[in-house]
C-alpha atoms as a PDB file:
ATOM      1  CA  MET A   1     -41.719 -30.905 -80.678  1.00  0.00           C
ATOM      2  CA  THR A   2     -41.490 -32.994 -77.463  1.00  0.00           C
ATOM      3  CA  PRO A   3     -37.301 -33.644 -76.707  1.00  0.00           C
ATOM      4  CA  ALA A   4     -38.196 -37.220 -77.384  1.00  0.00           C
ATOM      5  CA  VAL A   5     -39.088 -36.937 -80.678  1.00  0.00           C
ATOM      6  CA  LEU A   6     -36.004 -34.126 -81.067  1.00  0.00           C
ATOM      7  CA  GLY A   7     -33.681 -37.016 -79.921  1.00  0.00           C
ATOM      8  CA  SER A   8     -34.833 -39.676 -82.274  1.00  0.00           C
ATOM      9  CA  GLY A   9     -34.320 -37.601 -85.020  1.00  0.00           C
ATOM     10  CA  ILE A  10     -31.165 -36.705 -84.326  1.00  0.00           C
ATOM     11  CA  ALA A  11     -30.236 -40.032 -83.494  1.00  0.00           C
ATOM     12  CA  PHE A  12     -31.537 -41.105 -87.028  1.00  0.00           C
ATOM     13  CA  GLY A  13     -29.925 -38.390 -88.620  1.00  0.00           C
ATOM     14  CA  GLY A  14     -26.412 -39.705 -87.199  1.00  0.00           C
ATOM     15  CA  GLY A  15     -26.717 -43.418 -88.262  1.00  0.00           C
ATOM     16  CA  LEU A  16     -27.567 -42.687 -91.529  1.00  0.00           C
ATOM     17  CA  CYS A  17     -24.241 -40.549 -91.355  1.00  0.00           C
ATOM     18  CA  LEU A  18     -22.696 -43.278 -90.346  1.00  0.00           C
ATOM     19  CA  VAL A  19     -23.975 -45.490 -93.062  1.00  0.00           C
ATOM     20  CA  TRP A  20     -23.594 -43.077 -96.182  1.00  0.00           C
ATOM     21  CA  ALA A  21     -20.103 -42.773 -94.763  1.00  0.00           C
ATOM     22  CA  TRP A  22     -19.497 -46.668 -94.386  1.00  0.00           C
ATOM     23  CA  VAL A  23     -20.468 -46.549 -97.841  1.00  0.00           C
ATOM     24  CA  LEU A  24     -18.416 -44.107 -99.256  1.00  0.00           C
ATOM     25  CA  SER A  25     -15.254 -45.740 -97.715  1.00  0.00           C
ATOM     26  CA  ARG A  26     -16.072 -49.047 -99.278  1.00  0.00           C
ATOM     27  CA  ARG A  27     -16.225 -47.736-102.337  1.00  0.00           C
ATOM     28  CA  PRO A  28     -13.070 -48.819-104.476  1.00  0.00           C
ATOM     29  CA  LYS A  29     -11.017 -45.774-105.622  1.00  0.00           C
ATOM     30  CA  LEU A  30      -8.775 -45.339-109.043  1.00  0.00           C
ATOM     31  CA  VAL A  31      -6.105 -45.192-107.022  1.00  0.00           C
ATOM     32  CA  SER A  32      -6.854 -48.284-105.033  1.00  0.00           C
ATOM     33  CA  ARG A  33      -7.291 -50.355-108.148  1.00  0.00           C
ATOM     34  CA  LEU A  34      -3.943 -49.015-110.252  1.00  0.00           C
ATOM     35  CA  ALA A  35      -1.751 -49.255-107.174  1.00  0.00           C
ATOM     36  CA  PRO A  36      -1.053 -53.262-107.805  1.00  0.00           C
ATOM     37  CA  GLN A  37      -0.142 -52.792-111.118  1.00  0.00           C
ATOM     38  CA  LEU A  38       2.073 -49.898-110.401  1.00  0.00           C
ATOM     39  CA  ARG A  39       5.055 -49.354-108.534  1.00  0.00           C
ATOM     40  CA  GLU A  40       4.978 -47.877-105.158  1.00  0.00           C
ATOM     41  CA  GLN A  41       7.036 -44.733-105.810  1.00  0.00           C
ATOM     42  CA  ALA A  42       4.513 -44.334-109.079  1.00  0.00           C
ATOM     43  CA  VAL A  43       1.330 -43.901-106.861  1.00  0.00           C
ATOM     44  CA  ALA A  44       1.754 -41.898-103.553  1.00  0.00           C
ATOM     45  CA  GLY A  45       0.305 -42.755-100.912  1.00  0.00           C
ATOM     46  CA  ALA A  46      -1.360 -45.609-102.794  1.00  0.00           C
ATOM     47  CA  THR A  47      -0.384 -48.247-100.203  1.00  0.00           C
ATOM     48  CA  SER A  48       0.452 -46.347 -97.202  1.00  0.00           C
ATOM     49  CA  VAL A  49      -1.561 -47.929 -95.195  1.00  0.00           C
ATOM     50  CA  PRO A  50      -2.890 -50.997 -95.727  1.00  0.00           C
ATOM     51  CA  PRO A  51      -6.889 -51.578 -94.888  1.00  0.00           C
ATOM     52  CA  GLN A  52      -5.979 -53.805 -92.840  1.00  0.00           C
ATOM     53  CA  ALA A  53      -4.412 -51.962 -90.464  1.00  0.00           C
ATOM     54  CA  LEU A  54      -7.054 -49.717 -90.107  1.00  0.00           C
ATOM     55  CA  SER A  55      -9.558 -50.396 -86.783  1.00  0.00           C
ATOM     56  CA  LEU A  56     -13.402 -50.016 -87.371  1.00  0.00           C
ATOM     57  CA  PHE A  57     -13.649 -46.273 -85.967  1.00  0.00           C
ATOM     58  CA  GLU A  58     -11.248 -45.514 -88.247  1.00  0.00           C
ATOM     59  CA  ARG A  59     -12.696 -46.928 -91.492  1.00  0.00           C
ATOM     60  CA  LEU A  60     -16.473 -45.098 -90.662  1.00  0.00           C
ATOM     61  CA  PHE A  61     -15.066 -42.075 -89.759  1.00  0.00           C
ATOM     62  CA  ALA A  62     -12.072 -41.590 -92.600  1.00  0.00           C
ATOM     63  CA  PRO A  63     -13.779 -40.672 -95.269  1.00  0.00           C
ATOM     64  CA  ALA A  64     -15.945 -37.668 -93.675  1.00  0.00           C
ATOM     65  CA  LEU A  65     -12.813 -36.233 -91.654  1.00  0.00           C
ATOM     66  CA  ARG A  66     -10.818 -35.900 -95.266  1.00  0.00           C
ATOM     67  CA  ASP A  67     -14.211 -33.971 -95.937  1.00  0.00           C
ATOM     68  CA  GLY A  68     -13.919 -31.941 -93.206  1.00  0.00           C
ATOM     69  CA  VAL A  69     -10.094 -31.403 -93.898  1.00  0.00           C
ATOM     70  CA  ARG A  70     -11.022 -30.512 -97.676  1.00  0.00           C
ATOM     71  CA  ALA A  71     -13.287 -28.047 -96.090  1.00  0.00           C
ATOM     72  CA  VAL A  72     -11.169 -26.701 -93.875  1.00  0.00           C
ATOM     73  CA  GLU A  73      -8.456 -25.928 -96.417  1.00  0.00           C
ATOM     74  CA  ARG A  74     -10.950 -24.470 -98.323  1.00  0.00           C
ATOM     75  CA  TRP A  75     -12.343 -22.102 -96.215  1.00  0.00           C
ATOM     76  CA  GLY A  76      -9.322 -21.892 -93.367  1.00  0.00           C
ATOM     77  CA  SER A  77      -5.896 -20.162 -93.687  1.00  0.00           C
ATOM     78  CA  PRO A  78      -3.694 -21.022 -96.539  1.00  0.00           C
ATOM     79  CA  ALA A  79      -1.588 -23.912 -95.768  1.00  0.00           C
ATOM     80  CA  ARG A  80       2.236 -21.774 -95.905  1.00  0.00           C
ATOM     81  CA  GLU A  81       0.893 -19.481 -92.870  1.00  0.00           C
ATOM     82  CA  LEU A  82      -0.405 -22.693 -91.055  1.00  0.00           C
ATOM     83  CA  ASP A  83       2.860 -24.310 -91.647  1.00  0.00           C
ATOM     84  CA  SER A  84       5.135 -21.055 -90.694  1.00  0.00           C
ATOM     85  CA  ARG A  85       2.413 -20.943 -87.215  1.00  0.00           C
ATOM     86  CA  LEU A  86       3.230 -24.876 -86.530  1.00  0.00           C
ATOM     87  CA  ARG A  87       6.875 -24.341 -86.532  1.00  0.00           C
ATOM     88  CA  ARG A  88       6.786 -21.164 -84.611  1.00  0.00           C
ATOM     89  CA  ALA A  89       4.634 -22.889 -81.940  1.00  0.00           C
ATOM     90  CA  GLY A  90       7.248 -26.224 -82.105  1.00  0.00           C
ATOM     91  CA  LEU A  91       4.313 -28.867 -82.823  1.00  0.00           C
ATOM     92  CA  PRO A  92       5.667 -31.756 -84.435  1.00  0.00           C
ATOM     93  CA  ILE A  93       2.596 -32.533 -86.782  1.00  0.00           C
ATOM     94  CA  SER A  94       2.134 -31.706 -90.518  1.00  0.00           C
ATOM     95  CA  VAL A  95      -0.727 -29.282 -91.372  1.00  0.00           C
ATOM     96  CA  ASP A  96      -3.018 -32.066 -92.629  1.00  0.00           C
ATOM     97  CA  GLU A  97      -3.175 -32.972 -89.349  1.00  0.00           C
ATOM     98  CA  PHE A  98      -3.868 -29.802 -87.449  1.00  0.00           C
ATOM     99  CA  ARG A  99      -6.705 -29.461 -89.526  1.00  0.00           C
ATOM    100  CA  GLY A 100      -7.642 -32.604 -88.788  1.00  0.00           C
ATOM    101  CA  GLN A 101      -7.580 -31.901 -84.968  1.00  0.00           C
ATOM    102  CA  GLN A 102     -10.103 -28.754 -85.803  1.00  0.00           C
ATOM    103  CA  VAL A 103     -12.145 -31.228 -87.450  1.00  0.00           C
ATOM    104  CA  VAL A 104     -12.338 -33.028 -84.335  1.00  0.00           C
ATOM    105  CA  TRP A 105     -12.343 -30.147 -81.624  1.00  0.00           C
ATOM    106  CA  ALA A 106     -15.732 -28.664 -83.706  1.00  0.00           C
ATOM    107  CA  VAL A 107     -17.116 -32.422 -83.823  1.00  0.00           C
ATOM    108  CA  LEU A 108     -16.685 -32.039 -80.032  1.00  0.00           C
ATOM    109  CA  GLY A 109     -18.148 -28.655 -80.172  1.00  0.00           C
ATOM    110  CA  LEU A 110     -21.402 -30.123 -82.315  1.00  0.00           C
ATOM    111  CA  ILE A 111     -21.824 -32.983 -79.611  1.00  0.00           C
ATOM    112  CA  GLY A 112     -21.674 -30.684 -76.786  1.00  0.00           C
ATOM    113  CA  GLY A 113     -23.961 -28.692 -78.508  1.00  0.00           C
ATOM    114  CA  VAL A 114     -26.372 -31.157 -79.416  1.00  0.00           C
ATOM    115  CA  GLY A 115     -26.233 -32.085 -75.627  1.00  0.00           C
ATOM    116  CA  LEU A 116     -26.804 -29.065 -74.890  1.00  0.00           C
ATOM    117  CA  SER A 117     -29.993 -28.483 -76.851  1.00  0.00           C
ATOM    118  CA  ILE A 118     -31.668 -32.183 -75.778  1.00  0.00           C
ATOM    119  CA  PHE A 119     -31.065 -30.503 -72.125  1.00  0.00           C
ATOM    120  CA  LEU A 120     -32.622 -26.948 -73.469  1.00  0.00           C
ATOM    121  CA  ALA A 121     -35.571 -28.361 -74.850  1.00  0.00           C
ATOM    122  CA  ALA A 122     -36.464 -30.682 -72.098  1.00  0.00           C
ATOM    123  CA  SER A 123     -36.144 -27.978 -69.200  1.00  0.00           C
ATOM    124  CA  ARG A 124     -37.471 -25.119 -71.088  1.00  0.00           C
ATOM    125  CA  GLY A 125     -38.698 -25.820 -74.083  1.00  0.00           C
ATOM    126  CA  SER A 126     -36.564 -23.652 -76.384  1.00  0.00           C
ATOM    127  CA  THR A 127     -37.443 -23.526 -80.200  1.00  0.00           C
ATOM    128  CA  PRO A 128     -35.705 -25.543 -82.633  1.00  0.00           C
ATOM    129  CA  LEU A 129     -34.890 -22.980 -84.621  1.00  0.00           C
ATOM    130  CA  VAL A 130     -32.294 -21.265 -81.383  1.00  0.00           C
ATOM    131  CA  LEU A 131     -31.315 -24.829 -80.916  1.00  0.00           C
ATOM    132  CA  LEU A 132     -29.923 -25.339 -84.442  1.00  0.00           C
ATOM    133  CA  VAL A 133     -28.055 -21.601 -84.270  1.00  0.00           C
ATOM    134  CA  LEU A 134     -26.861 -23.014 -80.529  1.00  0.00           C
ATOM    135  CA  THR A 135     -25.174 -25.981 -81.787  1.00  0.00           C
ATOM    136  CA  ALA A 136     -23.539 -24.188 -84.978  1.00  0.00           C
ATOM    137  CA  LEU A 137     -22.390 -21.918 -82.694  1.00  0.00           C
ATOM    138  CA  LEU A 138     -20.675 -24.783 -80.457  1.00  0.00           C
ATOM    139  CA  GLY A 139     -19.105 -26.054 -83.449  1.00  0.00           C
ATOM    140  CA  ALA A 140     -17.511 -23.149 -84.596  1.00  0.00           C
ATOM    141  CA  ALA A 141     -16.486 -22.273 -81.466  1.00  0.00           C
ATOM    142  CA  GLY A 142     -15.002 -25.769 -81.207  1.00  0.00           C
ATOM    143  CA  PHE A 143     -13.230 -24.896 -84.379  1.00  0.00           C
ATOM    144  CA  ALA A 144     -11.561 -21.704 -83.255  1.00  0.00           C
ATOM    145  CA  ALA A 145     -10.982 -22.962 -79.573  1.00  0.00           C
ATOM    146  CA  ARG A 146      -8.184 -25.075 -81.687  1.00  0.00           C
ATOM    147  CA  ASP A 147      -6.545 -22.240 -83.501  1.00  0.00           C
ATOM    148  CA  TYR A 148      -6.614 -19.974 -80.474  1.00  0.00           C
ATOM    149  CA  ALA A 149      -4.578 -22.930 -77.933  1.00  0.00           C
ATOM    150  CA  LEU A 150      -2.016 -22.699 -81.370  1.00  0.00           C
ATOM    151  CA  GLY A 151      -1.619 -19.135 -80.941  1.00  0.00           C
ATOM    152  CA  ARG A 152      -1.147 -19.655 -77.171  1.00  0.00           C
ATOM    153  CA  ASP A 153       1.364 -22.249 -77.239  1.00  0.00           C
ATOM    154  CA  ILE A 154       2.774 -19.598 -79.825  1.00  0.00           C
ATOM    155  CA  HIS A 155       2.848 -17.254 -77.722  1.00  0.00           C
ATOM    156  CA  ARG A 156       4.119 -19.648 -74.414  1.00  0.00           C
ATOM    157  CA  ARG A 157       7.023 -20.810 -76.852  1.00  0.00           C
ATOM    158  CA  GLU A 158       8.681 -17.354 -78.218  1.00  0.00           C
ATOM    159  CA  SER A 159       8.313 -16.150 -74.327  1.00  0.00           C
ATOM    160  CA  ALA A 160      10.318 -19.042 -73.261  1.00  0.00           C
ATOM    161  CA  MET A 161      12.914 -18.216 -76.192  1.00  0.00           C
ATOM    162  CA  VAL A 162      13.163 -14.598 -75.525  1.00  0.00           C
ATOM    163  CA  SER A 163      13.912 -15.526 -71.393  1.00  0.00           C
ATOM    164  CA  GLU A 164      16.623 -18.151 -72.469  1.00  0.00           C
ATOM    165  CA  LEU A 165      18.103 -15.635 -75.165  1.00  0.00           C
ATOM    166  CA  PRO A 166      20.369 -14.000 -73.012  1.00  0.00           C
ATOM    167  CA  THR A 167      22.076 -17.083 -71.591  1.00  0.00           C
ATOM    168  CA  ILE A 168      22.333 -18.440 -74.785  1.00  0.00           C
ATOM    169  CA  ALA A 169      24.296 -15.233 -76.343  1.00  0.00           C
ATOM    170  CA  GLU A 170      26.444 -15.067 -72.778  1.00  0.00           C
ATOM    171  CA  LEU A 171      27.560 -19.134 -73.720  1.00  0.00           C
ATOM    172  CA  LEU A 172      28.058 -18.823 -77.130  1.00  0.00           C
ATOM    173  CA  ALA A 173      30.003 -15.326 -76.087  1.00  0.00           C
ATOM    174  CA  LEU A 174      32.100 -17.380 -73.772  1.00  0.00           C
ATOM    175  CA  SER A 175      32.568 -20.305 -76.510  1.00  0.00           C
ATOM    176  CA  VAL A 176      34.031 -18.125 -79.094  1.00  0.00           C
ATOM    177  CA  GLY A 177      35.855 -16.050 -76.100  1.00  0.00           C
ATOM    178  CA  ALA A 178      37.749 -19.717 -75.187  1.00  0.00           C
ATOM    179  CA  GLY A 179      38.314 -20.313 -79.110  1.00  0.00           C
ATOM    180  CA  GLU A 180      35.934 -21.848 -80.490  1.00  0.00           C
ATOM    181  CA  GLY A 181      34.369 -21.188 -84.085  1.00  0.00           C
ATOM    182  CA  ALA A 182      31.061 -19.782 -84.363  1.00  0.00           C
ATOM    183  CA  LEU A 183      29.918 -23.489 -85.587  1.00  0.00           C
ATOM    184  CA  GLY A 184      31.354 -24.914 -82.599  1.00  0.00           C
ATOM    185  CA  ALA A 185      30.194 -22.861 -80.310  1.00  0.00           C
ATOM    186  CA  LEU A 186      26.662 -23.172 -81.901  1.00  0.00           C
ATOM    187  CA  GLU A 187      26.923 -27.243 -81.233  1.00  0.00           C
ATOM    188  CA  ARG A 188      28.379 -26.891 -78.290  1.00  0.00           C
ATOM    189  CA  VAL A 189      25.557 -24.654 -76.816  1.00  0.00           C
ATOM    190  CA  ALA A 190      22.836 -26.718 -78.559  1.00  0.00           C
ATOM    191  CA  ALA A 191      24.075 -29.938 -77.281  1.00  0.00           C
ATOM    192  CA  THR A 192      24.841 -28.635 -73.369  1.00  0.00           C
ATOM    193  CA  THR A 193      21.403 -26.843 -72.778  1.00  0.00           C
ATOM    194  CA  THR A 194      17.714 -27.252 -73.240  1.00  0.00           C
ATOM    195  CA  GLY A 195      14.598 -25.472 -73.504  1.00  0.00           C
ATOM    196  CA  ALA A 196      12.887 -23.804 -76.961  1.00  0.00           C
ATOM    197  CA  LEU A 197      15.924 -22.080 -78.111  1.00  0.00           C
ATOM    198  CA  SER A 198      18.125 -24.415 -78.007  1.00  0.00           C
ATOM    199  CA  ASP A 199      15.726 -26.830 -79.872  1.00  0.00           C
ATOM    200  CA  GLU A 200      15.611 -23.896 -82.720  1.00  0.00           C
ATOM    201  CA  LEU A 201      19.589 -23.693 -82.426  1.00  0.00           C
ATOM    202  CA  GLY A 202      19.431 -27.862 -83.347  1.00  0.00           C
ATOM    203  CA  TYR A 203      17.185 -27.046 -86.383  1.00  0.00           C
ATOM    204  CA  THR A 204      19.900 -24.321 -87.464  1.00  0.00           C
ATOM    205  CA  LEU A 205      22.454 -26.623 -87.092  1.00  0.00           C
ATOM    206  CA  ALA A 206      20.774 -29.318 -89.051  1.00  0.00           C
ATOM    207  CA  ALA A 207      20.357 -27.506 -91.444  1.00  0.00           C
ATOM    208  CA  VAL A 208      24.298 -26.338 -91.957  1.00  0.00           C
ATOM    209  CA  ARG A 209      24.790 -30.053 -91.897  1.00  0.00           C
ATOM    210  CA  GLY A 210      22.651 -30.742 -94.668  1.00  0.00           C
ATOM    211  CA  GLY A 211      24.597 -28.107 -96.793  1.00  0.00           C
ATOM    212  CA  GLU A 212      23.269 -25.167 -96.030  1.00  0.00           C
ATOM    213  CA  PRO A 213      25.519 -21.961 -95.349  1.00  0.00           C
ATOM    214  CA  LEU A 214      26.054 -21.342 -91.209  1.00  0.00           C
ATOM    215  CA  SER A 215      24.910 -17.226 -92.749  1.00  0.00           C
ATOM    216  CA  GLU A 216      21.394 -18.463 -94.582  1.00  0.00           C
ATOM    217  CA  ALA A 217      20.409 -20.961 -92.139  1.00  0.00           C
ATOM    218  CA  LEU A 218      20.794 -18.194 -89.418  1.00  0.00           C
ATOM    219  CA  ARG A 219      18.507 -15.848 -91.677  1.00  0.00           C
ATOM    220  CA  SER A 220      16.330 -18.633 -91.880  1.00  0.00           C
ATOM    221  CA  PHE A 221      16.082 -19.106 -88.053  1.00  0.00           C
ATOM    222  CA  ALA A 222      15.379 -15.459 -88.116  1.00  0.00           C
ATOM    223  CA  MET A 223      12.578 -15.415 -90.471  1.00  0.00           C
ATOM    224  CA  ARG A 224      10.941 -18.388 -88.938  1.00  0.00           C
ATOM    225  CA  THR A 225      10.702 -16.968 -85.202  1.00  0.00           C
ATOM    226  CA  GLY A 226       8.198 -13.919 -84.753  1.00  0.00           C
ATOM    227  CA  SER A 227       9.661 -12.832 -81.646  1.00  0.00           C
ATOM    228  CA  PRO A 228      11.884  -9.494 -82.374  1.00  0.00           C
ATOM    229  CA  PRO A 229      14.492 -10.020 -79.757  1.00  0.00           C
ATOM    230  CA  VAL A 230      15.001 -13.186 -81.143  1.00  0.00           C
ATOM    231  CA  ARG A 231      15.178 -12.190 -84.654  1.00  0.00           C
ATOM    232  CA  ARG A 232      17.819  -9.488 -84.008  1.00  0.00           C
ATOM    233  CA  PHE A 233      20.218 -11.986 -82.702  1.00  0.00           C
ATOM    234  CA  ALA A 234      20.024 -14.667 -85.540  1.00  0.00           C
ATOM    235  CA  GLU A 235      20.450 -11.555 -88.120  1.00  0.00           C
ATOM    236  CA  ALA A 236      23.127 -10.171 -86.150  1.00  0.00           C
ATOM    237  CA  VAL A 237      25.021 -13.462 -85.670  1.00  0.00           C
ATOM    238  CA  SER A 238      24.379 -14.069 -89.359  1.00  0.00           C
ATOM    239  CA  THR A 239      26.009 -10.863 -90.153  1.00  0.00           C
ATOM    240  CA  ALA A 240      29.028 -11.075 -87.999  1.00  0.00           C
ATOM    241  CA  VAL A 241      29.930 -14.511 -89.283  1.00  0.00           C
ATOM    242  CA  GLU A 242      29.398 -13.475 -93.314  1.00  0.00           C
ATOM    243  CA  ARG A 243      31.547  -9.856 -93.371  1.00  0.00           C
ATOM    244  CA  GLY A 244      33.991 -11.766 -90.546  1.00  0.00           C
ATOM    245  CA  THR A 245      33.395  -9.180 -87.195  1.00  0.00           C
ATOM    246  CA  PRO A 246      34.141 -10.397 -83.595  1.00  0.00           C
ATOM    247  CA  LEU A 247      31.617 -12.217 -82.808  1.00  0.00           C
ATOM    248  CA  SER A 248      32.684 -12.176 -78.611  1.00  0.00           C
ATOM    249  CA  GLY A 249      31.719  -8.537 -78.910  1.00  0.00           C
ATOM    250  CA  VAL A 250      28.076  -8.870 -81.028  1.00  0.00           C
ATOM    251  CA  LEU A 251      26.955 -11.856 -78.901  1.00  0.00           C
ATOM    252  CA  ARG A 252      27.403  -9.857 -75.723  1.00  0.00           C
ATOM    253  CA  ALA A 253      26.090  -7.209 -77.056  1.00  0.00           C
ATOM    254  CA  GLN A 254      23.014  -9.001 -77.910  1.00  0.00           C
ATOM    255  CA  ALA A 255      22.556 -10.231 -74.807  1.00  0.00           C
ATOM    256  CA  GLN A 256      22.623  -6.892 -72.671  1.00  0.00           C
ATOM    257  CA  ASP A 257      19.832  -6.086 -75.348  1.00  0.00           C
ATOM    258  CA  ALA A 258      18.076  -8.865 -74.861  1.00  0.00           C
ATOM    259  CA  ARG A 259      18.424  -8.108 -71.209  1.00  0.00           C
ATOM    260  CA  ALA A 260      17.450  -4.751 -71.345  1.00  0.00           C
ATOM    261  CA  ALA A 261      14.054  -6.052 -73.570  1.00  0.00           C
ATOM    262  CA  GLY A 262      13.284  -8.549 -70.659  1.00  0.00           C
ATOM    263  CA  ARG A 263      13.175  -5.489 -68.423  1.00  0.00           C
ATOM    264  CA  ARG A 264      10.956  -3.431 -70.718  1.00  0.00           C
ATOM    265  CA  GLU A 265       8.586  -6.393 -70.829  1.00  0.00           C
ATOM    266  CA  LEU A 266       8.261  -6.614 -66.739  1.00  0.00           C
ATOM    267  CA  MET A 267       7.782  -3.125 -66.737  1.00  0.00           C
ATOM    268  CA  GLU A 268       4.746  -3.276 -69.310  1.00  0.00           C
ATOM    269  CA  GLN A 269       2.903  -6.469 -67.730  1.00  0.00           C
ATOM    270  CA  GLY A 270       3.835  -4.622 -64.800  1.00  0.00           C
ATOM    271  CA  GLY A 271       1.375  -1.913 -65.804  1.00  0.00           C
ATOM    272  CA  LYS A 272      -1.105  -3.732 -66.747  1.00  0.00           C
ATOM    273  CA  LYS A 273      -1.469  -5.933 -64.056  1.00  0.00           C
ATOM    274  CA  GLU A 274      -1.857  -2.575 -61.924  1.00  0.00           C
ATOM    275  CA  ILE A 275      -4.785  -1.454 -64.302  1.00  0.00           C
ATOM    276  CA  ALA A 276      -6.339  -4.777 -64.270  1.00  0.00           C
ATOM    277  CA  MET A 277      -5.994  -4.887 -59.606  1.00  0.00           C
ATOM    278  CA  MET A 278      -7.900  -1.236 -60.009  1.00  0.00           C
ATOM    279  CA  VAL A 279     -11.535  -3.287 -61.473  1.00  0.00           C
ATOM    280  CA  PRO A 280     -11.674  -5.425 -58.195  1.00  0.00           C
ATOM    281  CA  VAL A 281     -11.126  -2.173 -55.776  1.00  0.00           C
ATOM    282  CA  VAL A 282     -13.335   0.253 -57.969  1.00  0.00           C
ATOM    283  CA  PHE A 283     -15.949  -2.129 -58.621  1.00  0.00           C
ATOM    284  CA  LEU A 284     -15.994  -4.463 -55.143  1.00  0.00           C
ATOM    285  CA  ILE A 285     -14.025  -2.843 -52.469  1.00  0.00           C
ATOM    286  CA  LEU A 286     -14.764   1.216 -52.638  1.00  0.00           C
ATOM    287  CA  PRO A 287     -18.824   0.161 -52.692  1.00  0.00           C
ATOM    288  CA  VAL A 288     -18.450  -1.836 -49.889  1.00  0.00           C
ATOM    289  CA  THR A 289     -16.257   0.862 -48.149  1.00  0.00           C
ATOM    290  CA  VAL A 290     -18.915   3.851 -48.970  1.00  0.00           C
ATOM    291  CA  MET A 291     -21.868   1.408 -47.975  1.00  0.00           C
ATOM    292  CA  PHE A 292     -19.804   1.150 -44.134  1.00  0.00           C
ATOM    293  CA  ALA A 293     -19.232   4.619 -44.340  1.00  0.00           C
ATOM    294  CA  VAL A 294     -22.915   6.237 -45.398  1.00  0.00           C
ATOM    295  CA  TYR A 295     -25.181   3.558 -43.568  1.00  0.00           C
ATOM    296  CA  PRO A 296     -24.766   4.204 -40.036  1.00  0.00           C
ATOM    297  CA  GLY A 297     -25.470   8.006 -40.699  1.00  0.00           C
ATOM    298  CA  LEU A 298     -28.233   7.171 -43.068  1.00  0.00           C
ATOM    299  CA  VAL A 299     -29.942   5.040 -40.154  1.00  0.00           C
ATOM    300  CA  ALA A 300     -29.328   7.816 -37.725  1.00  0.00           C
ATOM    301  CA  ILE A 301     -31.275  10.317 -39.882  1.00  0.00           C
ATOM    302  CA  ASP A 302     -34.076   8.029 -40.136  1.00  0.00           C
ATOM    303  CA  MET A 303     -34.146   7.632 -35.980  1.00  0.00           C
ATOM    304  CA  GLY A 304     -34.354  10.993 -35.631  1.00  0.00           C
ATOM    305  CA  GLY A 305     -36.172  11.777 -38.346  1.00  0.00           C
END
């Protein structure tokens, strides 16, 4: 199979997929036909976005994107677990929007796989089966890359929360020691500081303003986070508020524990970096040193012989 024939086949197949997606998008659905006869609240999502507001690109690819999102829902992680991870990452998107991003990343991987396959077929004459497997692997890699990026966002945000915890705890202790109540101290610190932990405190205060007790809101905050120091801090403050324990001492103790945990983490990271530094020393610097030490002797032996 020549590269020209392969490229023509791929282009023809892509054109057929676009035409089929356009035909499916033009077919009226039952919700759309019943929406004018019912109230807007009766049919959820029937008139959420008018067709005139969508661009031609969105009209063509919206059905295919919805089908991809349904497939991801079937084979991907559960919606509740994914929603929890999105909250931990601090991303202001819904589960469906994230799954749509996964589909888009997978499509970009497939497009890159098709381009690489055409290049390999033109330059090295690879077999179609190998190129098909390569394209599928790149599509799966694009899908997994979005999930990996979400994991990195979670780790980065929770690391920032751990680094901010001692300062936030000290400020809360100062506010409580100056005569503020627990709720007033949280509001003052959340209003005067910025960062990931301040944002979480803002979400907690929003829940309190909505009618949830402060102790329950703090427990919900502890359940949302995946960082053990931040979880211990939220649970300790919740217990102190619920039982009437002096809050200033609890906050200072939590700040000391957070600093100790930060020092332990730095020591662990230093140990890991030390081991990683052994790789270039053993495999790059040491062989070159041995070569410079042994090579003159080998030359002298050869000349003497």
